Protein backbone atom coordinates (compact mmCIF):
# COMPACT_ATOMS: atom_id res chain seq x y z
CA MET A 1 260.09 49.06 43.22
CA ILE A 2 258.86 51.97 45.29
CA ASP A 3 261.35 54.67 46.24
CA ARG A 4 259.88 55.69 49.59
CA PRO A 5 262.36 58.49 50.44
CA GLY A 6 262.10 59.94 46.94
CA LEU A 7 258.30 59.67 46.92
CA ALA A 8 258.01 61.33 50.33
CA ALA A 9 260.34 64.19 49.42
CA PHE A 10 258.61 64.83 46.10
CA LEU A 11 255.14 64.85 47.67
CA ARG A 12 256.24 67.30 50.35
CA SER A 13 257.86 69.63 47.82
CA ARG A 14 254.79 69.67 45.55
CA ARG A 15 252.39 70.17 48.46
CA GLU A 16 254.42 73.06 49.86
CA ALA A 17 254.64 74.69 46.42
CA LEU A 18 250.88 74.59 45.82
CA GLN A 19 249.11 77.61 47.31
CA PRO A 20 245.52 77.66 48.63
CA GLU A 21 244.45 80.15 45.98
CA ASP A 22 245.74 77.76 43.30
CA ILE A 23 242.89 75.38 44.15
CA GLY A 24 240.26 78.01 44.88
CA LEU A 25 240.67 78.07 48.67
CA PRO A 26 240.94 81.26 50.77
CA ARG A 27 244.33 81.69 52.39
CA GLY A 28 242.88 82.66 55.77
CA ALA A 29 244.43 84.88 58.41
CA ARG A 30 245.65 81.98 60.56
CA ARG A 31 247.69 80.22 57.88
CA ARG A 32 251.28 80.54 59.06
CA THR A 33 253.09 78.55 56.41
CA SER A 34 252.96 78.62 52.63
CA GLY A 35 251.59 75.71 50.68
CA LEU A 36 248.73 73.34 51.38
CA ARG A 37 248.11 71.40 54.54
CA ARG A 38 248.15 67.64 54.40
CA GLU A 39 244.45 67.43 55.16
CA GLU A 40 243.69 69.77 52.24
CA VAL A 41 245.64 67.57 49.83
CA ALA A 42 244.04 64.41 51.21
CA ALA A 43 240.55 65.86 50.78
CA ARG A 44 241.29 66.75 47.15
CA CYS A 45 242.56 63.22 46.53
CA ASN A 46 239.59 61.51 48.24
CA MET A 47 241.77 59.75 50.80
CA SER A 48 242.26 59.97 54.53
CA THR A 49 244.73 62.47 55.97
CA ASP A 50 246.41 59.63 57.82
CA TYR A 51 247.00 57.67 54.60
CA TYR A 52 248.50 60.67 52.82
CA ALA A 53 250.63 61.59 55.86
CA ARG A 54 252.14 58.10 55.94
CA LEU A 55 253.30 58.49 52.35
CA GLU A 56 255.11 61.73 53.24
CA GLN A 57 256.62 59.95 56.26
CA GLU A 58 257.95 57.02 54.19
CA ARG A 59 255.47 54.62 55.79
CA GLY A 60 252.33 52.73 54.89
CA THR A 61 251.34 50.29 52.18
CA HIS A 62 252.44 50.45 48.57
CA PRO A 63 250.04 52.94 46.94
CA SER A 64 248.11 51.67 43.94
CA ALA A 65 248.34 53.26 40.50
CA GLN A 66 244.79 54.62 41.00
CA MET A 67 245.86 56.29 44.25
CA ILE A 68 248.93 57.81 42.64
CA ALA A 69 246.80 59.14 39.78
CA ALA A 70 244.47 60.79 42.30
CA ILE A 71 247.42 62.39 44.12
CA ALA A 72 248.91 63.64 40.85
CA GLN A 73 245.62 65.26 39.95
CA GLY A 74 245.07 66.69 43.42
CA LEU A 75 248.51 68.29 43.45
CA HIS A 76 248.05 69.83 39.98
CA LEU A 77 251.10 68.02 38.62
CA SER A 78 252.25 68.48 35.05
CA LEU A 79 252.51 65.40 32.87
CA ASP A 80 256.27 65.17 33.46
CA GLU A 81 255.72 65.49 37.22
CA ARG A 82 252.93 62.93 37.10
CA ASP A 83 255.15 60.44 35.28
CA HIS A 84 257.94 61.05 37.80
CA LEU A 85 255.53 60.42 40.68
CA PHE A 86 254.39 57.13 39.14
CA ARG A 87 257.98 55.94 38.76
CA LEU A 88 258.83 56.89 42.35
CA ALA A 89 255.82 54.82 43.46
CA GLY A 90 257.00 51.84 41.42
CA HIS A 91 254.38 52.06 38.66
CA PRO A 92 254.75 52.62 34.90
CA PRO A 93 253.38 56.04 33.92
CA PRO A 94 249.98 56.10 32.19
CA ALA A 95 249.65 56.86 28.50
CA ARG A 96 249.58 60.45 27.35
CA GLY A 97 247.45 62.14 24.72
CA SER A 98 243.84 61.47 23.86
CA VAL A 99 243.46 58.47 26.19
CA SER A 100 244.88 60.31 29.20
CA GLU A 101 242.49 61.48 31.90
CA HIS A 102 245.03 63.63 33.73
CA VAL A 103 243.79 67.23 33.71
CA SER A 104 246.58 69.74 33.07
CA PRO A 105 247.52 72.14 35.92
CA GLY A 106 246.43 75.21 33.95
CA LEU A 107 243.00 73.82 33.17
CA ALA A 108 242.63 72.54 36.74
CA ARG A 109 243.48 75.95 38.23
CA ILE A 110 240.80 77.64 36.15
CA PHE A 111 238.27 74.94 36.98
CA ASP A 112 238.92 75.20 40.72
CA ARG A 113 237.89 78.86 40.66
CA LEU A 114 234.46 78.18 39.17
CA HIS A 115 232.63 77.49 42.43
CA ASP A 116 229.45 79.35 41.47
CA THR A 117 229.28 78.32 37.81
CA PRO A 118 228.15 75.18 35.97
CA ALA A 119 231.33 73.80 34.42
CA GLU A 120 232.90 70.51 33.43
CA ILE A 121 236.06 69.13 31.88
CA VAL A 122 235.46 66.55 29.15
CA THR A 123 237.50 64.46 26.73
CA GLU A 124 237.16 64.62 22.96
CA LEU A 125 234.67 61.74 23.27
CA GLY A 126 232.46 63.64 25.70
CA GLU A 127 233.62 61.71 28.78
CA THR A 128 233.31 63.95 31.83
CA LEU A 129 236.43 64.10 33.98
CA ARG A 130 235.37 66.80 36.43
CA GLN A 131 232.21 68.75 37.27
CA THR A 132 231.51 71.67 39.55
CA ALA A 133 228.70 71.26 42.06
CA LEU A 134 226.44 73.46 39.93
CA GLY A 135 227.46 71.50 36.86
CA ILE A 136 226.21 68.34 38.56
CA ALA A 137 223.00 70.13 39.49
CA LEU A 138 222.52 71.13 35.86
CA THR A 139 223.28 67.92 33.97
CA GLY A 140 223.55 65.20 36.65
CA ASP A 141 226.51 63.39 38.18
CA ALA A 142 228.48 61.92 35.29
CA SER A 143 230.86 60.05 37.62
CA ARG A 144 228.32 57.24 38.00
CA TYR A 145 228.86 56.06 34.42
CA THR A 146 231.40 53.42 33.44
CA GLY A 147 232.68 52.03 30.16
CA PRO A 148 231.40 53.50 26.88
CA ALA A 149 228.44 55.05 28.75
CA ARG A 150 230.86 57.63 30.15
CA SER A 151 230.58 59.33 26.75
CA LEU A 152 227.57 61.62 26.37
CA GLY A 153 227.56 60.94 22.63
CA PHE A 154 227.43 57.21 23.26
CA ARG A 155 224.60 57.59 25.79
CA TRP A 156 222.72 59.80 23.35
CA PHE A 157 222.19 56.84 21.02
CA SER A 158 222.26 53.94 23.49
CA GLU A 159 220.16 55.40 26.34
CA PRO A 160 217.17 57.39 24.96
CA GLU A 161 216.32 58.72 28.43
CA SER A 162 219.52 60.78 28.35
CA ARG A 163 217.85 63.09 25.81
CA ALA A 164 215.14 64.26 28.22
CA LEU A 165 217.40 67.05 29.52
CA TYR A 166 217.72 68.65 26.07
CA HIS A 167 215.11 70.64 24.17
CA PRO A 168 213.27 68.35 21.73
CA ASP A 169 213.78 70.77 18.84
CA ASP A 170 217.55 70.27 19.19
CA HIS A 171 217.58 66.47 19.18
CA GLU A 172 217.99 66.01 15.42
CA PHE A 173 220.94 68.42 15.25
CA LEU A 174 222.58 66.91 18.34
CA SER A 175 222.39 63.44 16.82
CA ARG A 176 224.18 64.70 13.72
CA MET A 177 226.71 66.64 15.79
CA PHE A 178 227.63 63.68 18.01
CA ALA A 179 228.09 61.43 14.98
CA SER A 180 230.17 64.10 13.25
CA GLY A 181 232.42 64.53 16.29
CA LEU A 182 232.91 60.79 16.70
CA ARG A 183 233.80 60.43 13.02
CA GLU A 184 236.47 63.12 13.41
CA ALA A 185 237.87 61.35 16.47
CA VAL A 186 238.00 58.00 14.65
CA THR A 187 239.86 59.59 11.74
CA ARG A 188 242.24 61.38 14.12
CA ARG A 189 242.96 58.38 16.38
CA GLY A 190 242.73 55.44 14.01
CA PRO A 191 240.82 52.17 13.62
CA ARG A 192 242.09 50.66 16.89
CA SER A 193 241.20 53.66 19.04
CA ARG A 194 238.56 53.96 21.73
CA ALA A 195 236.64 56.25 19.37
CA ALA A 196 236.54 53.50 16.73
CA HIS A 197 235.36 51.01 19.36
CA TYR A 198 232.51 53.30 20.37
CA ALA A 199 231.52 53.76 16.73
CA ASP A 200 231.48 49.99 16.15
CA LEU A 201 229.30 49.45 19.22
CA LEU A 202 226.81 52.10 18.13
CA LEU A 203 226.69 50.85 14.54
CA ALA A 204 225.64 47.47 15.93
CA ARG A 205 223.08 48.88 18.38
CA SER A 206 221.43 51.96 16.92
CA GLU A 207 219.61 52.35 13.61
CA GLU A 208 219.52 56.11 14.09
CA PHE A 209 223.28 56.19 14.57
CA ARG A 210 223.80 54.17 11.41
CA THR A 211 221.69 56.68 9.49
CA VAL A 212 223.53 59.80 10.68
CA TRP A 213 226.90 58.02 10.44
CA ASP A 214 226.27 57.11 6.81
CA ALA A 215 225.63 60.79 6.05
CA GLN A 216 229.41 61.34 6.44
CA GLU A 217 229.00 64.78 8.02
CA ILE A 218 232.11 66.44 9.41
CA GLY A 219 232.69 69.69 11.25
CA LEU A 220 229.38 70.17 13.03
CA ARG A 221 229.94 72.26 16.14
CA PRO A 222 227.73 73.08 19.15
CA LYS A 223 225.44 76.05 18.73
CA GLU A 224 226.14 79.23 20.68
CA PHE A 225 223.30 78.55 23.11
CA LYS A 226 222.33 75.23 24.70
CA ARG A 227 218.68 74.66 25.58
CA TYR A 228 217.83 72.44 28.54
CA VAL A 229 214.57 71.17 30.02
CA HIS A 230 215.57 70.75 33.65
CA PRO A 231 213.32 68.62 35.88
CA SER A 232 213.50 71.12 38.75
CA VAL A 233 213.62 74.59 37.15
CA GLY A 234 212.23 74.00 33.66
CA ALA A 235 213.51 75.54 30.44
CA LEU A 236 217.02 77.03 30.43
CA GLU A 237 218.99 78.70 27.66
CA LEU A 238 222.70 78.86 28.48
CA GLN A 239 225.75 80.04 26.59
CA CYS A 240 228.65 77.59 26.59
CA GLN A 241 232.24 78.89 26.50
CA THR A 242 234.93 76.36 25.65
CA LEU A 243 238.63 76.28 26.52
CA LEU A 244 240.81 73.62 24.86
CA ASP A 245 243.92 71.93 26.21
CA PRO A 246 245.50 70.90 22.88
CA ASP A 247 248.05 68.52 24.42
CA GLN A 248 245.52 66.34 26.23
CA HIS A 249 242.61 67.28 23.97
CA HIS A 250 240.46 68.07 26.98
CA PHE A 251 237.78 70.75 26.95
CA LEU A 252 236.69 73.02 29.79
CA LEU A 253 233.02 73.87 29.25
CA VAL A 254 231.59 76.81 31.21
CA TYR A 255 227.84 77.51 31.11
CA THR A 256 226.46 81.00 31.75
CA ALA A 257 223.13 82.80 31.41
CA THR A 258 222.59 86.40 30.32
CA PRO A 259 221.95 88.57 33.41
CA GLY A 260 218.36 89.74 33.71
CA THR A 261 216.91 86.83 31.78
CA GLU A 262 214.61 84.13 33.08
CA SER A 263 217.37 81.58 32.55
CA TYR A 264 219.69 83.64 34.76
CA GLU A 265 217.16 83.63 37.58
CA LYS A 266 216.61 79.89 37.17
CA LEU A 267 220.34 79.26 37.31
CA GLN A 268 220.51 81.16 40.60
CA LEU A 269 217.65 79.02 41.88
CA LEU A 270 219.43 75.88 40.76
CA SER A 271 222.47 76.86 42.82
CA VAL A 272 220.20 76.77 45.90
CA ILE A 273 218.33 73.54 45.13
CA GLY A 274 221.33 71.86 43.56
CA SER A 275 220.83 68.58 45.36
CA ALA A 276 217.78 67.91 43.20
CA ALA A 277 219.96 67.12 40.18
CA PRO A 278 218.73 65.39 37.02
CA THR A 279 219.44 61.71 36.57
CA GLY A 280 219.67 61.52 32.79
């Protein structure tokens, strides 16, 4: 059962504690109170200001679990805070660990500051949870995928067109790397895990996957530089820096180009023409 007074009080306290700079917003000279405004929280949670305001006013319909998850993410709640919010709203808390899609506050704060950089947060299975605008311009909007196709490694073997963005000379290594990473995830999570399910699906669908899977390779890691063939700006060579959240096993990937190089200039161009994003 929903605890409306408790839910309203907790939402207000978390909103007032979160500062504009925590989510990459300028404070502004006219801001008279600390914390975020209701409309700022609502925008981050992809809901109307009126809907969010009613929750803080102990009114409105019973929020769904999906809505509560969005609010927890928008307010940068810790896992304990997220679970508390779910219980106040009358829902059982989601699972933690490798299957959780809740981005930790620390990782989210860093991500929110990367306005002018291609970046994304992904799971251990390569499922994209968040992308910056320039990240979408670089690799396409990953939010349109559902089911196993959310995983880049799964798409690599099941949707050949997804490879068009990557330099052809890297395809053979990437196939081995994706299979290696999935094998590690299956071993780590067990035979009933989502990783094992993805592996079973690919073994049934892809001869290439069966070949690289049977090689039993473990420990292959991404190369220092990633090479792309972008449909709008052409060839790009970008360095990828990775930050790991060990509790959730999420990765923040940040892509940069060496200043003065052709790739750097193309990345600046991509920030201008970002709406012409790839579809693969």
